[in-house]
Each structure stands twice: as C-alpha cells, then as structure tokens.
Amino acid sequence: MIQVTRKDKNEANENIIRRFNRRVLQSGVLANAKASMRFSKDISKTERRAKAIIRKERKNEKLAKARLGLR
C-alpha cells in the first residue's frame, strides 16, 4: 500500500511529515513489516530440548570457570 500525502498551499513541511507518519501508523503497514522480519518457523520438540541441553552445559561450564577464577 502506498500512502499518498499531498501538500496544501500554505502548509509547512513538518505538518506534511506528521500527517504522513500518522497515516502510515494507522494503516498498519509498518507493524506488518516488523512482524514479518521477526517471523521464524517453529522448531520441533527434540530440537528445542537439544538446544536447551547445550545452553545448560555452556552455563555450567561458565559457572565452573568462574568458581576457579578463570575466564
């Protein structure tokens, strides 16, 4: 969807920009674009569990190194 905003004779540029921004927000075009950027496919339960196990192992390794005074 293209938002068209025409300038009146004695209208300031700031007012045009404000009107344009308001129309874009009300149309929902920007929200749809942002939502599609964040979309990701669902992963299976086994993949989720495997990733959780890896995260847990990394966290435990980090804590163990911190206890020993290593980085």
C-alpha atoms as a PDB file:
ATOM      1  CA  MET A   1       0.000   0.000   0.000  1.00  0.00           C
ATOM      2  CA  ILE A   2       1.309   3.382  -0.969  1.00  0.00           C
ATOM      3  CA  GLN A   3       0.454   6.285   1.304  1.00  0.00           C
ATOM      4  CA  VAL A   4      -0.069   9.466  -0.700  1.00  0.00           C
ATOM      5  CA  THR A   5       0.117  12.800   1.097  1.00  0.00           C
ATOM      6  CA  ARG A   6      -0.312  15.980  -0.889  1.00  0.00           C
ATOM      7  CA  LYS A   7       0.838  19.381   0.287  1.00  0.00           C
ATOM      8  CA  ASP A   8      -1.654  22.195   0.733  1.00  0.00           C
ATOM      9  CA  LYS A   9      -0.686  25.688  -0.448  1.00  0.00           C
ATOM     10  CA  ASN A  10       0.332  27.210   2.881  1.00  0.00           C
ATOM     11  CA  GLU A  11       1.278  24.042   4.764  1.00  0.00           C
ATOM     12  CA  ALA A  12       4.643  23.609   6.463  1.00  0.00           C
ATOM     13  CA  ASN A  13       6.853  20.609   5.697  1.00  0.00           C
ATOM     14  CA  GLU A  14       6.715  19.436   9.311  1.00  0.00           C
ATOM     15  CA  ASN A  15       2.926  19.169   9.096  1.00  0.00           C
ATOM     16  CA  ILE A  16       3.159  17.057   5.943  1.00  0.00           C
ATOM     17  CA  ILE A  17       5.619  14.686   7.597  1.00  0.00           C
ATOM     18  CA  ARG A  18       3.422  14.453  10.695  1.00  0.00           C
ATOM     19  CA  ARG A  19       0.330  13.644   8.598  1.00  0.00           C
ATOM     20  CA  PHE A  20       2.246  11.063   6.572  1.00  0.00           C
ATOM     21  CA  ASN A  21       3.620   9.360   9.692  1.00  0.00           C
ATOM     22  CA  ARG A  22       0.149   9.256  11.264  1.00  0.00           C
ATOM     23  CA  ARG A  23      -1.366   7.665   8.154  1.00  0.00           C
ATOM     24  CA  VAL A  24       1.402   5.062   7.956  1.00  0.00           C
ATOM     25  CA  LEU A  25       0.911   4.131  11.620  1.00  0.00           C
ATOM     26  CA  GLN A  26      -2.865   3.910  11.253  1.00  0.00           C
ATOM     27  CA  SER A  27      -2.652   1.743   8.135  1.00  0.00           C
ATOM     28  CA  GLY A  28      -0.543  -0.889   9.937  1.00  0.00           C
ATOM     29  CA  VAL A  29       1.964  -1.251   7.098  1.00  0.00           C
ATOM     30  CA  LEU A  30       4.930  -0.670   9.387  1.00  0.00           C
ATOM     31  CA  ALA A  31       3.659  -3.136  12.009  1.00  0.00           C
ATOM     32  CA  ASN A  32       3.212  -5.837   9.358  1.00  0.00           C
ATOM     33  CA  ALA A  33       6.724  -5.275   8.031  1.00  0.00           C
ATOM     34  CA  LYS A  34       8.251  -5.525  11.506  1.00  0.00           C
ATOM     35  CA  ALA A  35       6.230  -8.647  12.311  1.00  0.00           C
ATOM     36  CA  SER A  36       7.387 -10.371   9.128  1.00  0.00           C
ATOM     37  CA  MET A  37      11.013  -9.544   9.954  1.00  0.00           C
ATOM     38  CA  ARG A  38      10.736 -11.343  13.302  1.00  0.00           C
ATOM     39  CA  PHE A  39       8.889 -14.394  11.970  1.00  0.00           C
ATOM     40  CA  SER A  40      10.661 -17.702  12.347  1.00  0.00           C
ATOM     41  CA  LYS A  41       9.499 -21.236  11.819  1.00  0.00           C
ATOM     42  CA  ASP A  42       8.582 -23.365  14.803  1.00  0.00           C
ATOM     43  CA  ILE A  43      11.214 -25.907  15.739  1.00  0.00           C
ATOM     44  CA  SER A  44      10.441 -29.432  16.817  1.00  0.00           C
ATOM     45  CA  LYS A  45      10.337 -30.512  20.440  1.00  0.00           C
ATOM     46  CA  THR A  46      13.503 -32.612  20.082  1.00  0.00           C
ATOM     47  CA  GLU A  47      15.445 -29.675  18.615  1.00  0.00           C
ATOM     48  CA  ARG A  48      14.227 -27.401  21.408  1.00  0.00           C
ATOM     49  CA  ARG A  49      15.332 -29.936  24.027  1.00  0.00           C
ATOM     50  CA  ALA A  50      18.731 -30.395  22.384  1.00  0.00           C
ATOM     51  CA  LYS A  51      19.317 -26.646  22.321  1.00  0.00           C
ATOM     52  CA  ALA A  52      18.237 -26.362  25.964  1.00  0.00           C
ATOM     53  CA  ILE A  53      20.712 -29.076  26.951  1.00  0.00           C
ATOM     54  CA  ILE A  54      23.522 -27.288  25.108  1.00  0.00           C
ATOM     55  CA  ARG A  55      22.626 -23.972  26.794  1.00  0.00           C
ATOM     56  CA  LYS A  56      22.596 -25.642  30.193  1.00  0.00           C
ATOM     57  CA  GLU A  57      26.000 -27.251  29.602  1.00  0.00           C
ATOM     58  CA  ARG A  58      27.536 -23.955  28.474  1.00  0.00           C
ATOM     59  CA  LYS A  59      26.122 -22.180  31.522  1.00  0.00           C
ATOM     60  CA  ASN A  60      27.520 -24.838  33.852  1.00  0.00           C
ATOM     61  CA  GLU A  61      30.950 -24.614  32.183  1.00  0.00           C
ATOM     62  CA  LYS A  62      30.918 -20.838  32.565  1.00  0.00           C
ATOM     63  CA  LEU A  63      29.991 -21.082  36.247  1.00  0.00           C
ATOM     64  CA  ALA A  64      32.687 -23.695  36.864  1.00  0.00           C
ATOM     65  CA  LYS A  65      35.330 -21.465  35.268  1.00  0.00           C
ATOM     66  CA  ALA A  66      34.108 -18.505  37.307  1.00  0.00           C
ATOM     67  CA  ARG A  67      34.465 -20.528  40.521  1.00  0.00           C
ATOM     68  CA  LEU A  68      38.041 -21.395  39.588  1.00  0.00           C
ATOM     69  CA  GLY A  69      38.805 -17.773  38.791  1.00  0.00           C
ATOM     70  CA  LEU A  70      39.293 -18.398  35.072  1.00  0.00           C
ATOM     71  CA  ARG A  71      37.606 -16.574  32.244  1.00  0.00           C
END
